[in-house]
């Protein structure tokens, strides 16, 4: 692409792509929430998800500095700004993290292999803090569907077997952003109103 002005090292295409993606997401947030405290809060939320996704893609880890601080920020900002009730945010953390912890423990006992890392568990807890307990089912369905599609695609394209690990954080991040923008539609589909 280009070279650094000072050290002349080549600049990866990753950097402009991440910056462009971040700018477009912030623009979408502005169009969705206007110039409001919610817009600023969700810019922080989106920024954390972008950083976590890039780190997980390249290093296969989700640092606690982002997921745990994201939980605290999610609780503080959503509650103080009235984005969701306090109990909704708190249950989102507990049930989100608890759901993936249960799946991880059961999978490891049955298969003898680690299926989900601790970082994924904490990240789902963070998403629950920001989006509430009702989001958890949608987040799991969207992220696992995307992960399965990409996983099967990689097996076909690169000939990898079922044991090949792919980072799950980016799929959770995409699911979180999908829910943030389209939660009314997603909830209407997952939780249709009872008739009668």
N, C-alpha and C. Protein backbone atom coordinates (compact mmCIF):
# COMPACT_ATOMS: atom_id res chain seq x y z
N UNK A 1 0.84 -1.20 0.00
CA UNK A 1 0.00 0.00 0.00
C UNK A 1 0.87 1.24 0.00
N UNK A 2 1.42 1.63 1.14
CA UNK A 2 2.30 2.79 1.27
C UNK A 2 3.39 2.48 2.26
N UNK A 3 4.23 3.49 2.53
CA UNK A 3 5.32 3.29 3.49
C UNK A 3 5.28 4.40 4.53
N UNK A 4 5.75 4.05 5.73
CA UNK A 4 5.82 5.02 6.81
C UNK A 4 6.79 6.14 6.43
N UNK A 5 6.39 7.37 6.70
CA UNK A 5 7.21 8.53 6.34
C UNK A 5 8.55 8.53 7.06
N UNK A 6 8.57 7.94 8.27
CA UNK A 6 9.77 8.02 9.10
C UNK A 6 10.66 6.78 8.99
N UNK A 7 10.06 5.58 9.11
CA UNK A 7 10.90 4.36 9.11
C UNK A 7 10.88 3.64 7.77
N UNK A 8 10.03 4.09 6.85
CA UNK A 8 9.92 3.50 5.50
C UNK A 8 9.39 2.06 5.50
N UNK A 9 8.86 1.60 6.63
CA UNK A 9 8.27 0.26 6.67
C UNK A 9 6.93 0.29 5.92
N UNK A 10 6.60 -0.80 5.22
CA UNK A 10 5.32 -0.82 4.50
C UNK A 10 4.13 -0.76 5.46
N UNK A 11 3.10 -0.06 5.08
CA UNK A 11 1.90 0.07 5.90
C UNK A 11 0.87 -0.94 5.42
N UNK A 12 0.41 -1.77 6.33
CA UNK A 12 -0.56 -2.82 5.99
C UNK A 12 -1.89 -2.19 5.59
N UNK A 13 -2.60 -2.86 4.69
CA UNK A 13 -3.93 -2.42 4.27
C UNK A 13 -4.92 -2.47 5.43
N UNK A 14 -4.56 -3.24 6.49
CA UNK A 14 -5.43 -3.36 7.66
C UNK A 14 -5.76 -2.00 8.26
N UNK A 15 -4.76 -1.11 8.32
CA UNK A 15 -4.96 0.16 9.03
C UNK A 15 -6.00 1.06 8.35
N UNK A 16 -5.88 1.33 7.06
CA UNK A 16 -6.94 2.15 6.45
C UNK A 16 -8.30 1.48 6.45
N UNK A 17 -8.33 0.13 6.35
CA UNK A 17 -9.61 -0.56 6.37
C UNK A 17 -10.30 -0.43 7.73
N UNK A 18 -9.50 -0.59 8.80
CA UNK A 18 -10.06 -0.44 10.16
C UNK A 18 -10.53 0.99 10.39
N UNK A 19 -9.73 1.96 9.94
CA UNK A 19 -10.12 3.36 10.12
C UNK A 19 -11.37 3.70 9.32
N UNK A 20 -11.46 3.21 8.09
CA UNK A 20 -12.64 3.44 7.26
C UNK A 20 -13.87 2.79 7.90
N UNK A 21 -13.72 1.54 8.34
CA UNK A 21 -14.83 0.84 8.97
C UNK A 21 -15.31 1.55 10.23
N UNK A 22 -14.35 2.03 11.03
CA UNK A 22 -14.70 2.76 12.26
C UNK A 22 -15.47 4.03 11.93
N UNK A 23 -14.98 4.77 10.94
CA UNK A 23 -15.66 6.00 10.54
C UNK A 23 -17.07 5.76 10.05
N UNK A 24 -17.25 4.71 9.25
CA UNK A 24 -18.58 4.39 8.73
C UNK A 24 -19.53 3.95 9.84
N UNK A 25 -19.01 3.19 10.81
CA UNK A 25 -19.85 2.77 11.93
C UNK A 25 -20.24 3.96 12.80
N UNK A 26 -19.31 4.88 13.03
CA UNK A 26 -19.63 6.07 13.82
C UNK A 26 -20.66 6.93 13.09
N UNK A 27 -20.56 7.01 11.77
CA UNK A 27 -21.56 7.75 10.99
C UNK A 27 -22.93 7.08 11.13
N UNK A 28 -22.96 5.75 11.04
CA UNK A 28 -24.22 5.03 11.20
C UNK A 28 -24.81 5.26 12.59
N UNK A 29 -23.95 5.30 13.61
CA UNK A 29 -24.42 5.58 14.97
C UNK A 29 -25.00 6.98 15.07
N UNK A 30 -24.35 7.94 14.42
CA UNK A 30 -24.85 9.32 14.44
C UNK A 30 -26.21 9.40 13.75
N UNK A 31 -26.36 8.72 12.64
CA UNK A 31 -27.64 8.74 11.94
C UNK A 31 -28.74 8.05 12.75
N UNK A 32 -28.34 7.07 13.55
CA UNK A 32 -29.31 6.32 14.36
C UNK A 32 -29.68 7.06 15.65
N UNK A 33 -28.68 7.68 16.31
CA UNK A 33 -28.91 8.26 17.63
C UNK A 33 -28.77 9.79 17.68
N UNK A 34 -28.41 10.41 16.55
CA UNK A 34 -28.20 11.86 16.48
C UNK A 34 -27.11 12.30 17.47
N UNK A 35 -26.98 13.60 17.68
CA UNK A 35 -25.96 14.12 18.60
C UNK A 35 -26.48 14.04 20.02
N UNK A 36 -26.41 12.85 20.60
CA UNK A 36 -26.98 12.60 21.93
C UNK A 36 -25.96 11.89 22.81
N UNK A 37 -26.20 11.88 24.12
CA UNK A 37 -25.32 11.09 24.99
C UNK A 37 -25.28 9.61 24.59
N UNK A 38 -26.40 9.08 24.09
CA UNK A 38 -26.42 7.68 23.64
C UNK A 38 -25.44 7.47 22.49
N UNK A 39 -25.36 8.44 21.58
CA UNK A 39 -24.42 8.35 20.46
C UNK A 39 -22.99 8.22 20.97
N UNK A 40 -22.61 9.07 21.93
CA UNK A 40 -21.24 9.03 22.47
C UNK A 40 -20.98 7.71 23.19
N UNK A 41 -21.98 7.24 23.96
CA UNK A 41 -21.82 5.98 24.69
C UNK A 41 -21.63 4.82 23.72
N UNK A 42 -22.44 4.79 22.67
CA UNK A 42 -22.35 3.68 21.73
C UNK A 42 -21.11 3.78 20.83
N UNK A 43 -20.54 4.97 20.70
CA UNK A 43 -19.24 5.08 20.02
C UNK A 43 -18.16 4.37 20.84
N UNK A 44 -18.22 4.53 22.16
CA UNK A 44 -17.27 3.82 23.04
C UNK A 44 -17.47 2.31 22.90
N UNK A 45 -18.73 1.88 22.97
CA UNK A 45 -19.08 0.46 22.82
C UNK A 45 -18.55 -0.10 21.50
N UNK A 46 -18.80 0.61 20.42
CA UNK A 46 -18.36 0.17 19.09
C UNK A 46 -16.84 0.16 18.99
N UNK A 47 -16.20 1.17 19.55
CA UNK A 47 -14.74 1.22 19.54
C UNK A 47 -14.12 0.01 20.23
N UNK A 48 -14.69 -0.37 21.38
CA UNK A 48 -14.20 -1.54 22.09
C UNK A 48 -14.35 -2.79 21.23
N UNK A 49 -15.49 -2.93 20.58
CA UNK A 49 -15.74 -4.12 19.75
C UNK A 49 -14.78 -4.19 18.56
N UNK A 50 -14.45 -3.05 17.99
CA UNK A 50 -13.51 -3.03 16.86
C UNK A 50 -12.12 -3.46 17.32
N UNK A 51 -11.66 -2.89 18.42
CA UNK A 51 -10.32 -3.23 18.94
C UNK A 51 -10.25 -4.71 19.31
N UNK A 52 -11.28 -5.19 20.01
CA UNK A 52 -11.31 -6.60 20.42
C UNK A 52 -11.29 -7.53 19.20
N UNK A 53 -12.05 -7.18 18.17
CA UNK A 53 -12.11 -8.02 16.97
C UNK A 53 -10.76 -8.11 16.28
N UNK A 54 -10.09 -6.98 16.13
CA UNK A 54 -8.78 -6.98 15.45
C UNK A 54 -7.76 -7.78 16.26
N UNK A 55 -7.73 -7.57 17.58
CA UNK A 55 -6.78 -8.31 18.42
C UNK A 55 -7.06 -9.81 18.36
N UNK A 56 -8.34 -10.19 18.43
CA UNK A 56 -8.69 -11.61 18.41
C UNK A 56 -8.35 -12.24 17.06
N UNK A 57 -8.56 -11.51 15.97
CA UNK A 57 -8.23 -12.04 14.65
C UNK A 57 -6.75 -12.33 14.51
N UNK A 58 -5.91 -11.45 15.05
CA UNK A 58 -4.46 -11.59 14.85
C UNK A 58 -3.77 -12.40 15.95
N UNK A 59 -4.30 -12.34 17.19
CA UNK A 59 -3.59 -12.97 18.31
C UNK A 59 -4.39 -14.04 19.03
N UNK A 60 -5.65 -14.23 18.64
CA UNK A 60 -6.51 -15.26 19.25
C UNK A 60 -6.69 -15.04 20.75
N UNK A 61 -6.73 -13.78 21.18
CA UNK A 61 -7.01 -13.48 22.58
C UNK A 61 -7.93 -12.25 22.64
N UNK A 62 -8.68 -12.17 23.73
CA UNK A 62 -9.48 -10.97 24.01
C UNK A 62 -9.01 -10.46 25.36
N UNK A 63 -8.23 -9.39 25.37
CA UNK A 63 -7.65 -8.91 26.64
C UNK A 63 -8.73 -8.49 27.64
N UNK A 64 -8.52 -8.86 28.91
CA UNK A 64 -9.44 -8.48 29.97
C UNK A 64 -9.58 -6.96 30.09
N UNK A 65 -8.52 -6.24 29.73
CA UNK A 65 -8.56 -4.78 29.84
C UNK A 65 -9.74 -4.20 29.05
N UNK A 66 -10.13 -4.87 27.97
CA UNK A 66 -11.23 -4.37 27.15
C UNK A 66 -12.57 -4.97 27.58
N UNK A 67 -12.60 -6.28 27.79
CA UNK A 67 -13.89 -6.90 28.12
C UNK A 67 -14.36 -6.53 29.53
N UNK A 68 -13.47 -6.58 30.51
CA UNK A 68 -13.88 -6.26 31.88
C UNK A 68 -14.16 -4.78 32.07
N UNK A 69 -13.32 -3.92 31.49
CA UNK A 69 -13.61 -2.49 31.58
C UNK A 69 -14.87 -2.17 30.77
N UNK A 70 -15.10 -2.92 29.69
CA UNK A 70 -16.33 -2.74 28.91
C UNK A 70 -17.57 -3.11 29.71
N UNK A 71 -17.46 -4.12 30.57
CA UNK A 71 -18.59 -4.48 31.44
C UNK A 71 -18.90 -3.33 32.39
N UNK A 72 -17.86 -2.79 33.03
CA UNK A 72 -18.04 -1.69 33.98
C UNK A 72 -18.62 -0.47 33.27
N UNK A 73 -18.05 -0.10 32.13
CA UNK A 73 -18.56 1.04 31.37
C UNK A 73 -20.00 0.81 30.90
N UNK A 74 -20.28 -0.41 30.47
CA UNK A 74 -21.64 -0.73 30.04
C UNK A 74 -22.65 -0.55 31.15
N UNK A 75 -22.32 -1.07 32.33
CA UNK A 75 -23.22 -0.91 33.48
C UNK A 75 -23.40 0.56 33.82
N UNK A 76 -22.29 1.30 33.92
CA UNK A 76 -22.36 2.71 34.33
C UNK A 76 -23.10 3.57 33.32
N UNK A 77 -22.74 3.43 32.04
CA UNK A 77 -23.31 4.33 31.03
C UNK A 77 -24.76 4.01 30.70
N UNK A 78 -25.08 2.73 30.53
CA UNK A 78 -26.47 2.41 30.18
C UNK A 78 -27.42 2.77 31.30
N UNK A 79 -26.97 2.57 32.54
CA UNK A 79 -27.83 2.89 33.68
C UNK A 79 -27.93 4.40 33.89
N UNK A 80 -26.79 5.09 33.89
CA UNK A 80 -26.80 6.54 34.15
C UNK A 80 -27.49 7.33 33.04
N UNK A 81 -27.41 6.85 31.80
CA UNK A 81 -28.05 7.54 30.69
C UNK A 81 -29.48 7.06 30.44
N UNK A 82 -29.91 6.06 31.20
CA UNK A 82 -31.27 5.54 31.05
C UNK A 82 -31.48 4.77 29.75
N UNK A 83 -30.42 4.18 29.23
CA UNK A 83 -30.56 3.43 27.97
C UNK A 83 -31.31 2.12 28.20
N UNK A 84 -31.01 1.43 29.28
CA UNK A 84 -31.76 0.24 29.70
C UNK A 84 -31.82 0.25 31.22
N UNK A 85 -32.79 -0.43 31.83
CA UNK A 85 -32.87 -0.47 33.29
C UNK A 85 -31.65 -1.17 33.90
N UNK A 86 -31.34 -0.85 35.17
CA UNK A 86 -30.16 -1.40 35.83
C UNK A 86 -30.21 -2.92 35.91
N UNK A 87 -31.42 -3.45 36.19
CA UNK A 87 -31.54 -4.90 36.33
C UNK A 87 -31.33 -5.62 34.99
N UNK A 88 -31.72 -4.93 33.90
CA UNK A 88 -31.56 -5.49 32.56
C UNK A 88 -30.07 -5.62 32.22
N UNK A 89 -29.33 -4.56 32.53
CA UNK A 89 -27.89 -4.56 32.27
C UNK A 89 -27.17 -5.60 33.12
N UNK A 90 -27.52 -5.65 34.41
CA UNK A 90 -26.88 -6.60 35.31
C UNK A 90 -27.19 -8.04 34.94
N UNK A 91 -28.45 -8.32 34.62
CA UNK A 91 -28.81 -9.68 34.19
C UNK A 91 -28.13 -10.03 32.86
N UNK A 92 -27.95 -9.02 32.01
CA UNK A 92 -27.25 -9.26 30.74
C UNK A 92 -25.84 -9.76 30.98
N UNK A 93 -25.15 -9.16 31.97
CA UNK A 93 -23.79 -9.61 32.31
C UNK A 93 -23.82 -11.03 32.85
N UNK A 94 -24.69 -11.27 33.83
CA UNK A 94 -24.71 -12.56 34.52
C UNK A 94 -25.16 -13.70 33.61
N UNK A 95 -26.24 -13.48 32.86
CA UNK A 95 -26.76 -14.55 32.01
C UNK A 95 -25.91 -14.70 30.75
N UNK A 96 -25.42 -13.59 30.21
CA UNK A 96 -24.55 -13.66 29.05
C UNK A 96 -23.27 -14.43 29.35
N UNK A 97 -22.56 -14.01 30.38
CA UNK A 97 -21.34 -14.71 30.76
C UNK A 97 -21.63 -16.12 31.23
N UNK A 98 -22.73 -16.28 31.99
CA UNK A 98 -23.08 -17.60 32.52
C UNK A 98 -23.45 -18.59 31.44
N UNK A 99 -24.14 -18.11 30.39
CA UNK A 99 -24.55 -19.01 29.29
C UNK A 99 -23.34 -19.59 28.60
N UNK A 100 -22.38 -18.73 28.26
CA UNK A 100 -21.18 -19.22 27.56
C UNK A 100 -20.29 -20.03 28.49
N UNK A 101 -20.25 -19.69 29.76
CA UNK A 101 -19.45 -20.47 30.71
C UNK A 101 -20.00 -21.89 30.80
N UNK A 102 -21.33 -22.02 30.86
CA UNK A 102 -21.96 -23.34 30.92
C UNK A 102 -21.65 -24.15 29.66
N UNK A 103 -21.80 -23.51 28.50
CA UNK A 103 -21.51 -24.19 27.23
C UNK A 103 -20.05 -24.63 27.19
N UNK A 104 -19.13 -23.76 27.62
CA UNK A 104 -17.70 -24.07 27.58
C UNK A 104 -17.36 -25.26 28.48
N UNK A 105 -17.93 -25.27 29.68
CA UNK A 105 -17.65 -26.36 30.62
C UNK A 105 -18.20 -27.67 30.09
N UNK A 106 -19.44 -27.65 29.60
CA UNK A 106 -20.05 -28.88 29.08
C UNK A 106 -19.30 -29.41 27.86
N UNK A 107 -18.93 -28.49 26.95
CA UNK A 107 -18.21 -28.92 25.74
C UNK A 107 -16.87 -29.55 26.10
N UNK A 108 -16.18 -28.94 27.06
CA UNK A 108 -14.86 -29.47 27.44
C UNK A 108 -15.00 -30.84 28.11
N UNK A 109 -16.06 -31.01 28.92
CA UNK A 109 -16.26 -32.31 29.57
C UNK A 109 -16.61 -33.40 28.56
N UNK A 110 -17.41 -33.04 27.56
CA UNK A 110 -17.85 -34.04 26.58
C UNK A 110 -16.75 -34.36 25.57
N UNK A 111 -16.08 -33.31 25.06
CA UNK A 111 -15.12 -33.52 23.98
C UNK A 111 -13.67 -33.64 24.44
N UNK A 112 -13.40 -33.12 25.64
CA UNK A 112 -12.02 -33.10 26.11
C UNK A 112 -11.21 -31.96 25.53
N UNK A 113 -11.85 -31.10 24.71
CA UNK A 113 -11.17 -29.95 24.12
C UNK A 113 -11.85 -28.67 24.56
N UNK A 114 -11.06 -27.59 24.57
CA UNK A 114 -11.63 -26.29 24.91
C UNK A 114 -12.36 -25.74 23.69
N UNK A 115 -13.66 -25.42 23.84
CA UNK A 115 -14.44 -24.90 22.73
C UNK A 115 -14.51 -23.39 22.72
N UNK A 116 -14.71 -22.81 23.88
CA UNK A 116 -14.79 -21.35 24.02
C UNK A 116 -13.73 -20.91 25.02
N UNK A 117 -13.05 -19.83 24.69
CA UNK A 117 -12.07 -19.29 25.62
C UNK A 117 -12.73 -18.37 26.63
N UNK A 118 -12.00 -18.08 27.70
CA UNK A 118 -12.51 -17.18 28.72
C UNK A 118 -12.80 -15.79 28.18
N UNK A 119 -12.06 -15.38 27.16
CA UNK A 119 -12.29 -14.08 26.57
C UNK A 119 -13.66 -13.97 25.92
N UNK A 120 -14.10 -15.04 25.25
CA UNK A 120 -15.43 -15.04 24.63
C UNK A 120 -16.52 -14.95 25.69
N UNK A 121 -16.32 -15.64 26.81
CA UNK A 121 -17.29 -15.63 27.90
C UNK A 121 -17.44 -14.21 28.45
N UNK A 122 -16.31 -13.55 28.70
CA UNK A 122 -16.36 -12.18 29.24
C UNK A 122 -16.91 -11.20 28.22
N UNK A 123 -16.61 -11.44 26.94
CA UNK A 123 -17.12 -10.54 25.90
C UNK A 123 -18.64 -10.62 25.80
N UNK A 124 -19.21 -11.81 25.90
CA UNK A 124 -20.66 -11.92 25.88
C UNK A 124 -21.26 -11.25 27.11
N UNK A 125 -20.57 -11.36 28.26
CA UNK A 125 -21.02 -10.63 29.44
C UNK A 125 -21.00 -9.13 29.21
N UNK A 126 -19.96 -8.64 28.53
CA UNK A 126 -19.87 -7.21 28.22
C UNK A 126 -21.01 -6.78 27.30
N UNK A 127 -21.28 -7.57 26.27
CA UNK A 127 -22.38 -7.26 25.36
C UNK A 127 -23.71 -7.22 26.12
N UNK A 128 -23.88 -8.14 27.05
CA UNK A 128 -25.09 -8.14 27.87
C UNK A 128 -25.23 -6.90 28.72
N UNK A 129 -24.10 -6.38 29.22
CA UNK A 129 -24.14 -5.15 30.02
C UNK A 129 -24.64 -3.97 29.20
N UNK A 130 -24.24 -3.91 27.94
CA UNK A 130 -24.62 -2.80 27.07
C UNK A 130 -26.01 -2.97 26.46
N UNK A 131 -26.38 -4.21 26.14
CA UNK A 131 -27.58 -4.44 25.33
C UNK A 131 -28.73 -5.07 26.11
N UNK A 132 -28.46 -5.56 27.32
CA UNK A 132 -29.52 -6.12 28.14
C UNK A 132 -29.70 -7.62 27.97
N UNK A 133 -30.44 -8.19 28.90
CA UNK A 133 -30.57 -9.64 28.96
C UNK A 133 -31.33 -10.19 27.75
N UNK A 134 -32.26 -9.41 27.20
CA UNK A 134 -33.06 -9.90 26.07
C UNK A 134 -32.20 -10.11 24.83
N UNK A 135 -31.03 -9.47 24.80
CA UNK A 135 -30.16 -9.59 23.63
C UNK A 135 -29.42 -10.92 23.56
N UNK A 136 -29.29 -11.62 24.68
CA UNK A 136 -28.38 -12.76 24.76
C UNK A 136 -28.73 -13.85 23.75
N UNK A 137 -30.00 -14.21 23.65
CA UNK A 137 -30.40 -15.25 22.70
C UNK A 137 -30.04 -14.84 21.27
N UNK A 138 -30.34 -13.59 20.93
CA UNK A 138 -30.04 -13.10 19.58
C UNK A 138 -28.53 -13.11 19.32
N UNK A 139 -27.76 -12.68 20.30
CA UNK A 139 -26.30 -12.64 20.14
C UNK A 139 -25.72 -14.03 19.91
N UNK A 140 -26.22 -14.99 20.65
CA UNK A 140 -25.73 -16.37 20.50
C UNK A 140 -26.13 -16.92 19.13
N UNK A 141 -27.38 -16.70 18.73
CA UNK A 141 -27.85 -17.22 17.44
C UNK A 141 -27.11 -16.60 16.27
N UNK A 142 -26.96 -15.27 16.30
CA UNK A 142 -26.30 -14.58 15.18
C UNK A 142 -24.82 -14.96 15.11
N UNK A 143 -24.13 -14.93 16.24
CA UNK A 143 -22.69 -15.19 16.23
C UNK A 143 -22.37 -16.63 15.87
N UNK A 144 -23.14 -17.57 16.39
CA UNK A 144 -22.86 -18.98 16.07
C UNK A 144 -23.21 -19.30 14.61
N UNK A 145 -24.25 -18.67 14.09
CA UNK A 145 -24.60 -18.87 12.68
C UNK A 145 -23.49 -18.34 11.78
N UNK A 146 -23.05 -17.11 12.05
CA UNK A 146 -21.95 -16.53 11.26
C UNK A 146 -20.67 -17.35 11.39
N UNK A 147 -20.36 -17.76 12.62
CA UNK A 147 -19.16 -18.56 12.86
C UNK A 147 -19.21 -19.89 12.13
N UNK A 148 -20.39 -20.51 12.10
CA UNK A 148 -20.54 -21.80 11.41
C UNK A 148 -20.37 -21.63 9.90
N UNK A 149 -20.96 -20.57 9.35
CA UNK A 149 -20.85 -20.33 7.91
C UNK A 149 -19.39 -20.11 7.52
N UNK A 150 -18.70 -19.27 8.29
CA UNK A 150 -17.29 -18.99 7.99
C UNK A 150 -16.43 -20.23 8.22
N UNK A 151 -16.72 -20.97 9.29
CA UNK A 151 -15.95 -22.19 9.58
C UNK A 151 -16.07 -23.22 8.48
N UNK A 152 -17.30 -23.45 8.02
CA UNK A 152 -17.51 -24.41 6.92
C UNK A 152 -16.85 -23.90 5.64
N UNK A 153 -16.97 -22.59 5.42
CA UNK A 153 -16.34 -22.00 4.24
C UNK A 153 -14.83 -22.19 4.23
N UNK A 154 -14.21 -22.03 5.40
CA UNK A 154 -12.76 -22.23 5.50
C UNK A 154 -12.38 -23.68 5.29
N UNK A 155 -13.22 -24.60 5.79
CA UNK A 155 -12.94 -26.03 5.58
C UNK A 155 -12.97 -26.38 4.10
N UNK A 156 -13.95 -25.82 3.40
CA UNK A 156 -14.07 -26.10 1.96
C UNK A 156 -12.94 -25.42 1.18
N UNK A 157 -12.66 -24.17 1.53
CA UNK A 157 -11.70 -23.37 0.76
C UNK A 157 -10.25 -23.76 1.04
N UNK A 158 -9.93 -23.93 2.33
CA UNK A 158 -8.54 -24.22 2.70
C UNK A 158 -8.31 -25.66 3.10
N UNK A 159 -9.36 -26.45 3.14
CA UNK A 159 -9.19 -27.86 3.49
C UNK A 159 -8.88 -28.09 4.95
N UNK A 160 -9.30 -27.14 5.83
CA UNK A 160 -9.05 -27.32 7.26
C UNK A 160 -10.07 -28.30 7.84
N UNK A 161 -9.66 -28.99 8.92
CA UNK A 161 -10.58 -29.93 9.53
C UNK A 161 -11.42 -29.24 10.60
N UNK A 162 -12.31 -30.01 11.22
CA UNK A 162 -13.25 -29.47 12.20
C UNK A 162 -12.54 -28.96 13.45
N UNK A 163 -11.31 -29.38 13.67
CA UNK A 163 -10.59 -28.98 14.88
C UNK A 163 -9.86 -27.65 14.71
N UNK A 164 -9.86 -27.11 13.52
CA UNK A 164 -9.18 -25.84 13.28
C UNK A 164 -9.91 -24.72 14.02
N UNK A 165 -9.18 -24.02 14.85
CA UNK A 165 -9.78 -22.96 15.66
C UNK A 165 -9.88 -21.67 14.87
N UNK A 166 -11.03 -21.02 14.99
CA UNK A 166 -11.18 -19.68 14.42
C UNK A 166 -11.60 -18.76 15.56
N UNK A 167 -11.10 -17.52 15.55
CA UNK A 167 -11.45 -16.59 16.63
C UNK A 167 -12.94 -16.27 16.61
N UNK A 168 -13.58 -16.32 17.76
CA UNK A 168 -15.02 -16.14 17.84
C UNK A 168 -15.41 -14.70 18.20
N UNK A 169 -14.46 -13.94 18.75
CA UNK A 169 -14.75 -12.57 19.15
C UNK A 169 -15.35 -11.70 18.06
N UNK A 170 -14.80 -11.72 16.84
CA UNK A 170 -15.38 -10.89 15.78
C UNK A 170 -16.84 -11.21 15.47
N UNK A 171 -17.22 -12.49 15.58
CA UNK A 171 -18.61 -12.86 15.32
C UNK A 171 -19.53 -12.32 16.42
N UNK A 172 -19.05 -12.36 17.66
CA UNK A 172 -19.82 -11.77 18.76
C UNK A 172 -19.96 -10.26 18.56
N UNK A 173 -18.87 -9.63 18.11
CA UNK A 173 -18.90 -8.18 17.90
C UNK A 173 -19.90 -7.82 16.80
N UNK A 174 -19.90 -8.57 15.70
CA UNK A 174 -20.85 -8.32 14.61
C UNK A 174 -22.28 -8.53 15.11
N UNK A 175 -22.49 -9.59 15.89
CA UNK A 175 -23.82 -9.84 16.45
C UNK A 175 -24.26 -8.68 17.34
N UNK A 176 -23.34 -8.16 18.16
CA UNK A 176 -23.66 -7.03 19.03
C UNK A 176 -24.07 -5.80 18.25
N UNK A 177 -23.36 -5.51 17.18
CA UNK A 177 -23.68 -4.34 16.36
C UNK A 177 -25.01 -4.55 15.62
N UNK A 178 -25.24 -5.76 15.14
CA UNK A 178 -26.53 -6.06 14.49
C UNK A 178 -27.69 -5.81 15.46
N UNK A 179 -27.51 -6.28 16.70
CA UNK A 179 -28.58 -6.11 17.69
C UNK A 179 -28.75 -4.64 18.05
N UNK A 180 -27.66 -3.91 18.16
CA UNK A 180 -27.75 -2.49 18.50
C UNK A 180 -28.59 -1.73 17.47
N UNK A 181 -28.37 -2.01 16.19
CA UNK A 181 -29.06 -1.27 15.14
C UNK A 181 -30.46 -1.81 14.83
N UNK A 182 -30.66 -3.12 15.00
CA UNK A 182 -31.93 -3.71 14.56
C UNK A 182 -32.62 -4.51 15.66
N UNK A 183 -32.46 -4.08 16.91
CA UNK A 183 -33.00 -4.88 18.00
C UNK A 183 -34.52 -5.01 17.97
N UNK A 184 -35.23 -3.98 17.52
CA UNK A 184 -36.69 -4.07 17.47
C UNK A 184 -37.13 -5.18 16.51
N UNK A 185 -36.54 -5.21 15.34
CA UNK A 185 -36.87 -6.24 14.35
C UNK A 185 -36.47 -7.63 14.83
N UNK A 186 -35.26 -7.72 15.41
CA UNK A 186 -34.76 -9.01 15.89
C UNK A 186 -35.64 -9.53 17.02
N UNK A 187 -36.00 -8.66 17.97
CA UNK A 187 -36.84 -9.09 19.10
C UNK A 187 -38.24 -9.49 18.64
N UNK A 188 -38.77 -8.77 17.64
CA UNK A 188 -40.11 -9.12 17.13
C UNK A 188 -40.08 -10.50 16.49
N UNK A 189 -38.94 -10.87 15.89
CA UNK A 189 -38.81 -12.18 15.25
C UNK A 189 -38.59 -13.29 16.29
N UNK A 190 -37.76 -12.99 17.29
CA UNK A 190 -37.45 -14.00 18.31
C UNK A 190 -38.53 -14.13 19.38
N UNK A 191 -39.16 -13.01 19.69
CA UNK A 191 -40.17 -13.01 20.76
C UNK A 191 -41.49 -12.43 20.24
N UNK A 192 -42.15 -13.15 19.34
CA UNK A 192 -43.40 -12.61 18.77
C UNK A 192 -44.44 -12.41 19.87
N UNK A 193 -45.24 -11.34 19.76
CA UNK A 193 -46.25 -11.09 20.79
C UNK A 193 -47.29 -12.21 20.79
N UNK A 194 -47.76 -12.54 22.00
CA UNK A 194 -48.77 -13.59 22.12
C UNK A 194 -50.11 -13.03 21.69
N UNK A 195 -50.82 -13.76 20.87
CA UNK A 195 -52.13 -13.33 20.43
C UNK A 195 -53.22 -13.95 21.31
N UNK A 196 -54.26 -13.18 21.49
CA UNK A 196 -55.38 -13.72 22.24
C UNK A 196 -55.40 -13.25 23.65
